[in-house]
Amino acid sequence: MLDGVPRSNCMQSWPYAKAVRMSDQKATRLAVVVRGGTPVGMMAIQEVKLGPVHFINLFRGPLWFVEPVPKEWIREFTKVFDCEFPRRLFRRRRWLPEWEDKNAENFQPFFSNHQKYKTAWLELGGSEDQLRGRLKQKWRNALNKSEKSSIEIVEDWSGLYLELFVEKYLRDRMEKKYHGPSGRFVKEEFLAAKPFKDAFLLWANIKTQPVAAVFILKHGQCASYRIGWSTGLGRKYNAHNRLLWEATLIVKSQGIQRLDLGGLDADHSGLNRFKFGTGAHIFETPGMLK
């Protein structure tokens, strides 16, 4: 069903649902959004009941089969969602809508006092030369430097070195003190996608030694940069520029239309600049609602 969604995301995918189930014990319910007898969208809701406490999570959904989303659809859905899961004592409801904030402008105060969620989307239309031409000059220079280095790029679709990838990712996360999924979550997500060839690891090696790597997940017409790590040597040779560029070409060759580079964080301006250096644009949503 994700194949019919112009802008899907990893949090509404099967591998994400499986990882949530295995690591957090949350079950996933799938639903189709119907309007006038016609399916117009879909969503995956994670939930768990602990005695009287009911947790409901709808992250980056619902997804819609058309773009842009008509405002009346948003208005109707918010009413239905409230009726289906009304606010009450012992219910913990978290909802991160997946529609542009400009489409929610008439829904205040429902969206008031919430920090907006922003992510960076890279459009993959056009030729390889056109994609390269959209790169910012500084980013393109870094890529050129990396391509002239001794870095070797290796694809891993089987997860042969998944344990090593997770080990280095956790070490990198601890050293740099950033938030990210647990090691178990990463493993479960990759393994759930593996049978469908919807995930791969991309390694940057120097003399057979890994200096950086990334995890890419495909979902329908789109793909997501999930996580990555780099050593000091990898940063010296701009390995992440090379990895992201090569990953972009791989998914583009498989018919992927868009690549989600992940959320933007005001506390990590350097990372934000890196993402925008690819030519990506901001997709801003209303933020987490409760």
C-alpha atoms as a PDB file:
ATOM      1  CA  MET A   1       0.000   0.000   0.000  1.00  0.00           C
ATOM      2  CA  LEU A   2       2.966   2.329   0.568  1.00  0.00           C
ATOM      3  CA  ASP A   3       3.577   2.158  -3.179  1.00  0.00           C
ATOM      4  CA  GLY A   4       0.545   4.405  -3.626  1.00  0.00           C
ATOM      5  CA  VAL A   5       1.873   7.110  -1.277  1.00  0.00           C
ATOM      6  CA  PRO A   6       3.866   9.944  -2.908  1.00  0.00           C
ATOM      7  CA  ARG A   7       5.577  10.859   0.392  1.00  0.00           C
ATOM      8  CA  SER A   8       5.964   7.880   2.725  1.00  0.00           C
ATOM      9  CA  ASN A   9       8.301   7.672   5.717  1.00  0.00           C
ATOM     10  CA  CYS A  10      10.068   5.025   7.767  1.00  0.00           C
ATOM     11  CA  MET A  11       7.832   5.376  10.822  1.00  0.00           C
ATOM     12  CA  GLN A  12       4.844   4.163   8.811  1.00  0.00           C
ATOM     13  CA  SER A  13       6.701   1.178   7.354  1.00  0.00           C
ATOM     14  CA  TRP A  14       6.568  -2.524   8.178  1.00  0.00           C
ATOM     15  CA  PRO A  15      10.217  -2.740   9.348  1.00  0.00           C
ATOM     16  CA  TYR A  16       9.598   0.091  11.832  1.00  0.00           C
ATOM     17  CA  ALA A  17       6.441  -1.627  13.132  1.00  0.00           C
ATOM     18  CA  LYS A  18       8.311  -4.918  13.537  1.00  0.00           C
ATOM     19  CA  ALA A  19      11.174  -3.222  15.366  1.00  0.00           C
ATOM     20  CA  VAL A  20       8.744  -1.459  17.717  1.00  0.00           C
ATOM     21  CA  ARG A  21       7.082  -4.783  18.459  1.00  0.00           C
ATOM     22  CA  MET A  22      10.329  -6.628  19.137  1.00  0.00           C
ATOM     23  CA  SER A  23      12.086  -3.917  21.131  1.00  0.00           C
ATOM     24  CA  ASP A  24       9.240  -1.994  22.812  1.00  0.00           C
ATOM     25  CA  GLN A  25       6.427  -4.600  22.885  1.00  0.00           C
ATOM     26  CA  LYS A  26       4.024  -2.225  21.117  1.00  0.00           C
ATOM     27  CA  ALA A  27       1.517  -3.777  18.715  1.00  0.00           C
ATOM     28  CA  THR A  28       0.727  -2.086  15.398  1.00  0.00           C
ATOM     29  CA  ARG A  29      -2.739  -1.524  13.972  1.00  0.00           C
ATOM     30  CA  LEU A  30      -3.086  -0.730  10.283  1.00  0.00           C
ATOM     31  CA  ALA A  31      -5.952   1.383   8.988  1.00  0.00           C
ATOM     32  CA  VAL A  32      -7.121   2.874   5.713  1.00  0.00           C
ATOM     33  CA  VAL A  33      -8.526   6.400   5.650  1.00  0.00           C
ATOM     34  CA  VAL A  34     -11.697   6.380   3.561  1.00  0.00           C
ATOM     35  CA  ARG A  35     -13.603   9.416   2.330  1.00  0.00           C
ATOM     36  CA  GLY A  36     -16.866   9.042   0.435  1.00  0.00           C
ATOM     37  CA  GLY A  37     -16.201   5.345  -0.043  1.00  0.00           C
ATOM     38  CA  THR A  38     -12.768   5.978  -1.603  1.00  0.00           C
ATOM     39  CA  PRO A  39      -9.457   5.201   0.129  1.00  0.00           C
ATOM     40  CA  VAL A  40      -7.481   8.449   0.459  1.00  0.00           C
ATOM     41  CA  GLY A  41      -4.822   7.502   2.984  1.00  0.00           C
ATOM     42  CA  MET A  42      -3.407   4.945   5.383  1.00  0.00           C
ATOM     43  CA  MET A  43      -1.725   4.778   8.770  1.00  0.00           C
ATOM     44  CA  ALA A  44       0.057   2.498  11.195  1.00  0.00           C
ATOM     45  CA  ILE A  45      -0.715   3.098  14.877  1.00  0.00           C
ATOM     46  CA  GLN A  46       1.399   1.613  17.671  1.00  0.00           C
ATOM     47  CA  GLU A  47      -0.299   0.878  20.984  1.00  0.00           C
ATOM     48  CA  VAL A  48       0.120  -0.999  24.229  1.00  0.00           C
ATOM     49  CA  LYS A  49      -2.104  -1.457  27.293  1.00  0.00           C
ATOM     50  CA  LEU A  50      -0.582  -1.729  30.751  1.00  0.00           C
ATOM     51  CA  GLY A  51      -3.478  -2.276  33.119  1.00  0.00           C
ATOM     52  CA  PRO A  52      -5.672   0.836  32.915  1.00  0.00           C
ATOM     53  CA  VAL A  53      -3.012   2.802  31.009  1.00  0.00           C
ATOM     54  CA  HIS A  54      -3.416   2.938  27.237  1.00  0.00           C
ATOM     55  CA  PHE A  55      -0.562   4.228  25.067  1.00  0.00           C
ATOM     56  CA  ILE A  56      -1.389   5.344  21.515  1.00  0.00           C
ATOM     57  CA  ASN A  57       1.320   6.496  19.085  1.00  0.00           C
ATOM     58  CA  LEU A  58       0.666   7.757  15.562  1.00  0.00           C
ATOM     59  CA  PHE A  59       4.038   8.920  14.280  1.00  0.00           C
ATOM     60  CA  ARG A  60       4.286  10.768  10.958  1.00  0.00           C
ATOM     61  CA  GLY A  61       0.855   9.704   9.822  1.00  0.00           C
ATOM     62  CA  PRO A  62      -1.565   9.359   8.318  1.00  0.00           C
ATOM     63  CA  LEU A  63      -0.013   9.077   4.868  1.00  0.00           C
ATOM     64  CA  TRP A  64      -2.046  10.289   1.923  1.00  0.00           C
ATOM     65  CA  PHE A  65      -2.472   8.980  -1.606  1.00  0.00           C
ATOM     66  CA  VAL A  66      -2.503  12.510  -3.049  1.00  0.00           C
ATOM     67  CA  GLU A  67      -0.326  15.574  -2.659  1.00  0.00           C
ATOM     68  CA  PRO A  68      -0.940  18.265  -1.513  1.00  0.00           C
ATOM     69  CA  VAL A  69      -3.491  17.150   1.071  1.00  0.00           C
ATOM     70  CA  PRO A  70      -6.779  19.078   0.862  1.00  0.00           C
ATOM     71  CA  LYS A  71      -7.461  21.045   4.045  1.00  0.00           C
ATOM     72  CA  GLU A  72     -10.924  19.576   4.446  1.00  0.00           C
ATOM     73  CA  TRP A  73      -9.412  16.086   4.642  1.00  0.00           C
ATOM     74  CA  ILE A  74      -7.198  17.199   7.502  1.00  0.00           C
ATOM     75  CA  ARG A  75     -10.114  18.791   9.305  1.00  0.00           C
ATOM     76  CA  GLU A  76     -12.261  15.679   8.912  1.00  0.00           C
ATOM     77  CA  PHE A  77      -9.482  13.343   9.999  1.00  0.00           C
ATOM     78  CA  THR A  78      -8.715  15.254  13.203  1.00  0.00           C
ATOM     79  CA  LYS A  79     -12.380  14.927  14.219  1.00  0.00           C
ATOM     80  CA  VAL A  80     -12.473  11.202  13.460  1.00  0.00           C
ATOM     81  CA  PHE A  81      -9.180  10.598  15.282  1.00  0.00           C
ATOM     82  CA  ASP A  82     -10.467  12.448  18.346  1.00  0.00           C
ATOM     83  CA  CYS A  83     -13.662  10.395  18.301  1.00  0.00           C
ATOM     84  CA  GLU A  84     -11.777   7.104  17.938  1.00  0.00           C
ATOM     85  CA  PHE A  85      -9.179   7.911  20.616  1.00  0.00           C
ATOM     86  CA  PRO A  86     -10.665  10.634  22.828  1.00  0.00           C
ATOM     87  CA  ARG A  87      -8.521  12.198  25.515  1.00  0.00           C
ATOM     88  CA  ARG A  88      -9.200  10.596  28.878  1.00  0.00           C
ATOM     89  CA  LEU A  89      -7.539   9.684  32.147  1.00  0.00           C
ATOM     90  CA  PHE A  90      -4.835   7.009  31.732  1.00  0.00           C
ATOM     91  CA  ARG A  91      -4.694   7.371  27.956  1.00  0.00           C
ATOM     92  CA  ARG A  92      -1.337   8.628  26.687  1.00  0.00           C
ATOM     93  CA  ARG A  93      -1.811   9.769  23.120  1.00  0.00           C
ATOM     94  CA  ARG A  94       1.076  11.023  20.968  1.00  0.00           C
ATOM     95  CA  TRP A  95       0.420  12.108  17.420  1.00  0.00           C
ATOM     96  CA  LEU A  96       2.958  13.499  14.970  1.00  0.00           C
ATOM     97  CA  PRO A  97       0.935  14.429  11.846  1.00  0.00           C
ATOM     98  CA  GLU A  98       2.523  14.082   8.418  1.00  0.00           C
ATOM     99  CA  TRP A  99       1.312  17.109   6.528  1.00  0.00           C
ATOM    100  CA  GLU A 100       2.869  20.458   5.828  1.00  0.00           C
ATOM    101  CA  ASP A 101       2.301  23.089   8.492  1.00  0.00           C
ATOM    102  CA  LYS A 102       0.828  25.524   5.976  1.00  0.00           C
ATOM    103  CA  ASN A 103      -2.039  23.065   5.527  1.00  0.00           C
ATOM    104  CA  ALA A 104      -2.755  23.209   9.260  1.00  0.00           C
ATOM    105  CA  GLU A 105      -2.885  26.983   9.557  1.00  0.00           C
ATOM    106  CA  ASN A 106      -6.651  27.048  10.140  1.00  0.00           C
ATOM    107  CA  PHE A 107      -6.609  24.478  12.938  1.00  0.00           C
ATOM    108  CA  GLN A 108      -5.479  26.604  15.848  1.00  0.00           C
ATOM    109  CA  PRO A 109      -5.665  26.303  18.796  1.00  0.00           C
ATOM    110  CA  PHE A 110      -5.502  22.514  18.205  1.00  0.00           C
ATOM    111  CA  PHE A 111      -1.878  22.876  17.084  1.00  0.00           C
ATOM    112  CA  SER A 112      -0.891  25.701  19.413  1.00  0.00           C
ATOM    113  CA  ASN A 113       2.008  25.531  21.864  1.00  0.00           C
ATOM    114  CA  HIS A 114       3.703  22.652  20.082  1.00  0.00           C
ATOM    115  CA  GLN A 115       7.189  22.621  18.633  1.00  0.00           C
ATOM    116  CA  LYS A 116       7.062  22.017  14.914  1.00  0.00           C
ATOM    117  CA  TYR A 117       8.738  18.975  13.411  1.00  0.00           C
ATOM    118  CA  LYS A 118      10.985  19.605  10.402  1.00  0.00           C
ATOM    119  CA  THR A 119      12.695  17.133   8.142  1.00  0.00           C
ATOM    120  CA  ALA A 120      14.843  17.429   5.013  1.00  0.00           C
ATOM    121  CA  TRP A 121      13.594  15.848   1.781  1.00  0.00           C
ATOM    122  CA  LEU A 122      15.785  15.302  -1.255  1.00  0.00           C
ATOM    123  CA  GLU A 123      13.990  15.053  -4.608  1.00  0.00           C
ATOM    124  CA  LEU A 124      15.607  12.459  -6.889  1.00  0.00           C
ATOM    125  CA  GLY A 125      14.078  13.494 -10.205  1.00  0.00           C
ATOM    126  CA  GLY A 126      16.315  14.276 -13.156  1.00  0.00           C
ATOM    127  CA  SER A 127      19.613  12.834 -14.316  1.00  0.00           C
ATOM    128  CA  GLU A 128      22.690  12.093 -12.218  1.00  0.00           C
ATOM    129  CA  ASP A 129      24.323  15.224 -13.633  1.00  0.00           C
ATOM    130  CA  GLN A 130      21.293  17.293 -12.632  1.00  0.00           C
ATOM    131  CA  LEU A 131      21.387  15.860  -9.109  1.00  0.00           C
ATOM    132  CA  ARG A 132      25.055  16.701  -8.852  1.00  0.00           C
ATOM    133  CA  GLY A 133      24.360  20.190 -10.142  1.00  0.00           C
ATOM    134  CA  ARG A 134      21.924  20.789  -7.273  1.00  0.00           C
ATOM    135  CA  LEU A 135      24.632  20.146  -4.681  1.00  0.00           C
ATOM    136  CA  LYS A 136      25.901  23.230  -2.879  1.00  0.00           C
ATOM    137  CA  GLN A 137      29.413  24.177  -3.977  1.00  0.00           C
ATOM    138  CA  LYS A 138      31.065  23.379  -0.640  1.00  0.00           C
ATOM    139  CA  TRP A 139      29.284  20.007  -0.463  1.00  0.00           C
ATOM    140  CA  ARG A 140      30.259  19.175  -4.046  1.00  0.00           C
ATOM    141  CA  ASN A 141      33.886  20.088  -3.351  1.00  0.00           C
ATOM    142  CA  ALA A 142      33.912  17.721  -0.370  1.00  0.00           C
ATOM    143  CA  LEU A 143      32.438  14.973  -2.533  1.00  0.00           C
ATOM    144  CA  ASN A 144      35.065  15.543  -5.218  1.00  0.00           C
ATOM    145  CA  LYS A 145      37.806  15.280  -2.597  1.00  0.00           C
ATOM    146  CA  SER A 146      36.372  12.032  -1.273  1.00  0.00           C
ATOM    147  CA  GLU A 147      36.042  10.534  -4.747  1.00  0.00           C
ATOM    148  CA  LYS A 148      39.741  11.222  -5.386  1.00  0.00           C
ATOM    149  CA  SER A 149      40.777   9.595  -2.103  1.00  0.00           C
ATOM    150  CA  SER A 150      41.557   5.932  -1.435  1.00  0.00           C
ATOM    151  CA  ILE A 151      38.092   5.305   0.031  1.00  0.00           C
ATOM    152  CA  GLU A 152      36.341   2.177  -1.231  1.00  0.00           C
ATOM    153  CA  ILE A 153      32.520   1.980  -1.091  1.00  0.00           C
ATOM    154  CA  VAL A 154      30.988  -1.420  -0.250  1.00  0.00           C
ATOM    155  CA  GLU A 155      27.272  -2.345  -0.352  1.00  0.00           C
ATOM    156  CA  ASP A 156      25.887  -4.770   2.245  1.00  0.00           C
ATOM    157  CA  TRP A 157      22.314  -5.941   1.604  1.00  0.00           C
ATOM    158  CA  SER A 158      22.569  -9.125   3.660  1.00  0.00           C
ATOM    159  CA  GLY A 159      23.562  -7.541   6.967  1.00  0.00           C
ATOM    160  CA  LEU A 160      26.755  -9.588   7.020  1.00  0.00           C
ATOM    161  CA  TYR A 161      28.418  -6.917   9.166  1.00  0.00           C
ATOM    162  CA  LEU A 162      25.302  -5.656  10.932  1.00  0.00           C
ATOM    163  CA  GLU A 163      26.721  -6.395  14.383  1.00  0.00           C
ATOM    164  CA  LEU A 164      29.844  -4.368  13.610  1.00  0.00           C
ATOM    165  CA  PHE A 165      27.775  -1.513  12.222  1.00  0.00           C
ATOM    166  CA  VAL A 166      25.644  -1.343  15.378  1.00  0.00           C
ATOM    167  CA  GLU A 167      28.682  -1.591  17.645  1.00  0.00           C
ATOM    168  CA  LYS A 168      30.371   1.359  15.942  1.00  0.00           C
ATOM    169  CA  TYR A 169      27.113   3.334  15.823  1.00  0.00           C
ATOM    170  CA  LEU A 170      26.560   2.937  19.575  1.00  0.00           C
ATOM    171  CA  ARG A 171      30.133   3.984  20.288  1.00  0.00           C
ATOM    172  CA  ASP A 172      29.728   7.029  18.047  1.00  0.00           C
ATOM    173  CA  ARG A 173      26.422   7.956  19.710  1.00  0.00           C
ATOM    174  CA  MET A 174      27.963   7.699  23.168  1.00  0.00           C
ATOM    175  CA  GLU A 175      31.023   9.767  22.246  1.00  0.00           C
ATOM    176  CA  LYS A 176      29.075  12.521  20.499  1.00  0.00           C
ATOM    177  CA  LYS A 177      26.102  12.418  22.903  1.00  0.00           C
ATOM    178  CA  TYR A 178      23.261  12.479  20.380  1.00  0.00           C
ATOM    179  CA  HIS A 179      19.879  10.786  20.460  1.00  0.00           C
ATOM    180  CA  GLY A 180      19.174   7.757  18.307  1.00  0.00           C
ATOM    181  CA  PRO A 181      17.430   4.374  18.258  1.00  0.00           C
ATOM    182  CA  SER A 182      18.705   1.553  20.439  1.00  0.00           C
ATOM    183  CA  GLY A 183      21.038  -1.048  19.041  1.00  0.00           C
ATOM    184  CA  ARG A 184      18.332  -3.685  19.249  1.00  0.00           C
ATOM    185  CA  PHE A 185      15.891  -1.455  17.386  1.00  0.00           C
ATOM    186  CA  VAL A 186      18.391  -0.922  14.559  1.00  0.00           C
ATOM    187  CA  LYS A 187      18.987  -4.659  14.220  1.00  0.00           C
ATOM    188  CA  GLU A 188      15.280  -5.532  14.227  1.00  0.00           C
ATOM    189  CA  GLU A 189      14.459  -2.843  11.676  1.00  0.00           C
ATOM    190  CA  PHE A 190      17.181  -3.993   9.284  1.00  0.00           C
ATOM    191  CA  LEU A 191      16.311  -7.676   9.652  1.00  0.00           C
ATOM    192  CA  ALA A 192      12.601  -6.998   9.039  1.00  0.00           C
ATOM    193  CA  ALA A 193      13.430  -5.196   5.786  1.00  0.00           C
ATOM    194  CA  LYS A 194      16.103  -7.651   4.636  1.00  0.00           C
ATOM    195  CA  PRO A 195      13.807 -10.327   3.060  1.00  0.00           C
ATOM    196  CA  PHE A 196      12.278  -7.649   0.798  1.00  0.00           C
ATOM    197  CA  LYS A 197      15.646  -6.066  -0.050  1.00  0.00           C
ATOM    198  CA  ASP A 198      14.365  -2.799   1.397  1.00  0.00           C
ATOM    199  CA  ALA A 199      17.450  -1.999   3.482  1.00  0.00           C
ATOM    200  CA  PHE A 200      21.174  -1.858   2.997  1.00  0.00           C
ATOM    201  CA  LEU A 201      24.332  -0.765   4.773  1.00  0.00           C
ATOM    202  CA  LEU A 202      26.852   1.258   2.834  1.00  0.00           C
ATOM    203  CA  TRP A 203      30.449   1.170   4.040  1.00  0.00           C
ATOM    204  CA  ALA A 204      33.389   3.471   3.390  1.00  0.00           C
ATOM    205  CA  ASN A 205      36.650   1.555   3.785  1.00  0.00           C
ATOM    206  CA  ILE A 206      40.301   2.566   3.581  1.00  0.00           C
ATOM    207  CA  LYS A 207      42.594  -0.419   3.063  1.00  0.00           C
ATOM    208  CA  THR A 208      39.727  -2.753   4.099  1.00  0.00           C
ATOM    209  CA  GLN A 209      39.235  -0.841   7.381  1.00  0.00           C
ATOM    210  CA  PRO A 210      35.798   0.777   7.856  1.00  0.00           C
ATOM    211  CA  VAL A 211      35.930   4.527   8.494  1.00  0.00           C
ATOM    212  CA  ALA A 212      32.213   5.348   8.080  1.00  0.00           C
ATOM    213  CA  ALA A 213      28.893   3.689   7.247  1.00  0.00           C
ATOM    214  CA  VAL A 214      25.195   4.475   6.779  1.00  0.00           C
ATOM    215  CA  PHE A 215      21.911   2.551   7.029  1.00  0.00           C
ATOM    216  CA  ILE A 216      19.333   3.246   4.290  1.00  0.00           C
ATOM    217  CA  LEU A 217      15.722   2.004   4.420  1.00  0.00           C
ATOM    218  CA  LYS A 218      13.348   1.921   1.448  1.00  0.00           C
ATOM    219  CA  HIS A 219       9.555   2.246   1.821  1.00  0.00           C
ATOM    220  CA  GLY A 220       7.282   2.472  -1.196  1.00  0.00           C
ATOM    221  CA  GLN A 221       8.301   5.284  -3.545  1.00  0.00           C
ATOM    222  CA  CYS A 222      10.645   6.793  -0.951  1.00  0.00           C
ATOM    223  CA  ALA A 223      13.661   5.928   1.176  1.00  0.00           C
ATOM    224  CA  SER A 224      15.144   7.197   4.438  1.00  0.00           C
ATOM    225  CA  TYR A 225      18.616   7.807   5.769  1.00  0.00           C
ATOM    226  CA  ARG A 226      18.218   6.060   9.128  1.00  0.00           C
ATOM    227  CA  ILE A 227      21.542   6.383  10.943  1.00  0.00           C
ATOM    228  CA  GLY A 228      25.249   6.612  10.252  1.00  0.00           C
ATOM    229  CA  TRP A 229      28.607   6.982  11.955  1.00  0.00           C
ATOM    230  CA  SER A 230      32.090   8.125  11.046  1.00  0.00           C
ATOM    231  CA  THR A 231      35.601   7.967  12.481  1.00  0.00           C
ATOM    232  CA  GLY A 232      38.062  10.835  12.515  1.00  0.00           C
ATOM    233  CA  LEU A 233      39.678   9.437   9.374  1.00  0.00           C
ATOM    234  CA  GLY A 234      36.274   9.208   7.737  1.00  0.00           C
ATOM    235  CA  ARG A 235      35.620  12.880   8.464  1.00  0.00           C
ATOM    236  CA  LYS A 236      39.067  13.813   7.143  1.00  0.00           C
ATOM    237  CA  TYR A 237      38.222  12.279   3.778  1.00  0.00           C
ATOM    238  CA  ASN A 238      34.562  13.429   3.739  1.00  0.00           C
ATOM    239  CA  ALA A 239      33.352   9.826   3.764  1.00  0.00           C
ATOM    240  CA  HIS A 240      29.782  10.794   4.647  1.00  0.00           C
ATOM    241  CA  ASN A 241      29.466  12.998   1.581  1.00  0.00           C
ATOM    242  CA  ARG A 242      30.553  10.064  -0.542  1.00  0.00           C
ATOM    243  CA  LEU A 243      28.289   7.584   1.249  1.00  0.00           C
ATOM    244  CA  LEU A 244      25.194   9.748   0.981  1.00  0.00           C
ATOM    245  CA  TRP A 245      25.871  10.489  -2.680  1.00  0.00           C
ATOM    246  CA  GLU A 246      26.380   6.804  -3.514  1.00  0.00           C
ATOM    247  CA  ALA A 247      23.271   5.838  -1.513  1.00  0.00           C
ATOM    248  CA  THR A 248      21.275   8.435  -3.451  1.00  0.00           C
ATOM    249  CA  LEU A 249      22.372   6.941  -6.774  1.00  0.00           C
ATOM    250  CA  ILE A 250      21.571   3.405  -5.601  1.00  0.00           C
ATOM    251  CA  VAL A 251      18.000   4.136  -4.524  1.00  0.00           C
ATOM    252  CA  LYS A 252      17.394   6.374  -7.537  1.00  0.00           C
ATOM    253  CA  SER A 253      18.413   3.513  -9.839  1.00  0.00           C
ATOM    254  CA  GLN A 254      15.725   1.392  -8.150  1.00  0.00           C
ATOM    255  CA  GLY A 255      12.931   3.851  -8.864  1.00  0.00           C
ATOM    256  CA  ILE A 256      12.900   5.731  -5.556  1.00  0.00           C
ATOM    257  CA  GLN A 257      11.536   9.255  -6.016  1.00  0.00           C
ATOM    258  CA  ARG A 258      12.478  10.923  -2.723  1.00  0.00           C
ATOM    259  CA  LEU A 259      15.003  10.482   0.072  1.00  0.00           C
ATOM    260  CA  ASP A 260      14.145  11.574   3.618  1.00  0.00           C
ATOM    261  CA  LEU A 261      17.366  12.756   5.272  1.00  0.00           C
ATOM    262  CA  GLY A 262      15.788  12.921   8.710  1.00  0.00           C
ATOM    263  CA  GLY A 263      14.734  15.526  11.243  1.00  0.00           C
ATOM    264  CA  LEU A 264      16.349  18.927  11.620  1.00  0.00           C
ATOM    265  CA  ASP A 265      17.615  19.913  15.053  1.00  0.00           C
ATOM    266  CA  ALA A 266      18.279  23.491  16.142  1.00  0.00           C
ATOM    267  CA  ASP A 267      21.070  22.212  18.394  1.00  0.00           C
ATOM    268  CA  HIS A 268      22.935  20.595  15.487  1.00  0.00           C
ATOM    269  CA  SER A 269      23.319  23.356  12.922  1.00  0.00           C
ATOM    270  CA  GLY A 270      26.334  21.660  11.338  1.00  0.00           C
ATOM    271  CA  LEU A 271      24.307  18.524  10.609  1.00  0.00           C
ATOM    272  CA  ASN A 272      21.487  20.651   9.213  1.00  0.00           C
ATOM    273  CA  ARG A 273      23.896  22.412   6.856  1.00  0.00           C
ATOM    274  CA  PHE A 274      25.207  19.032   5.718  1.00  0.00           C
ATOM    275  CA  LYS A 275      21.698  17.910   4.787  1.00  0.00           C
ATOM    276  CA  PHE A 276      20.862  21.136   2.952  1.00  0.00           C
ATOM    277  CA  GLY A 277      24.154  20.883   1.093  1.00  0.00           C
ATOM    278  CA  THR A 278      22.608  18.041  -0.916  1.00  0.00           C
ATOM    279  CA  GLY A 279      19.951  20.371  -2.310  1.00  0.00           C
ATOM    280  CA  ALA A 280      17.288  19.060   0.072  1.00  0.00           C
ATOM    281  CA  HIS A 281      14.354  21.234   1.151  1.00  0.00           C
ATOM    282  CA  ILE A 282      12.502  21.620   4.454  1.00  0.00           C
ATOM    283  CA  PHE A 283       9.225  19.793   5.039  1.00  0.00           C
ATOM    284  CA  GLU A 284       7.651  21.347   8.151  1.00  0.00           C
ATOM    285  CA  THR A 285       4.794  19.750  10.085  1.00  0.00           C
ATOM    286  CA  PRO A 286       2.768  20.991  13.090  1.00  0.00           C
ATOM    287  CA  GLY A 287       4.765  18.884  15.549  1.00  0.00           C
ATOM    288  CA  MET A 288       3.878  16.388  18.273  1.00  0.00           C
ATOM    289  CA  LEU A 289       0.285  16.586  19.488  1.00  0.00           C
ATOM    290  CA  LYS A 290      -1.141  14.977  22.597  1.00  0.00           C
END
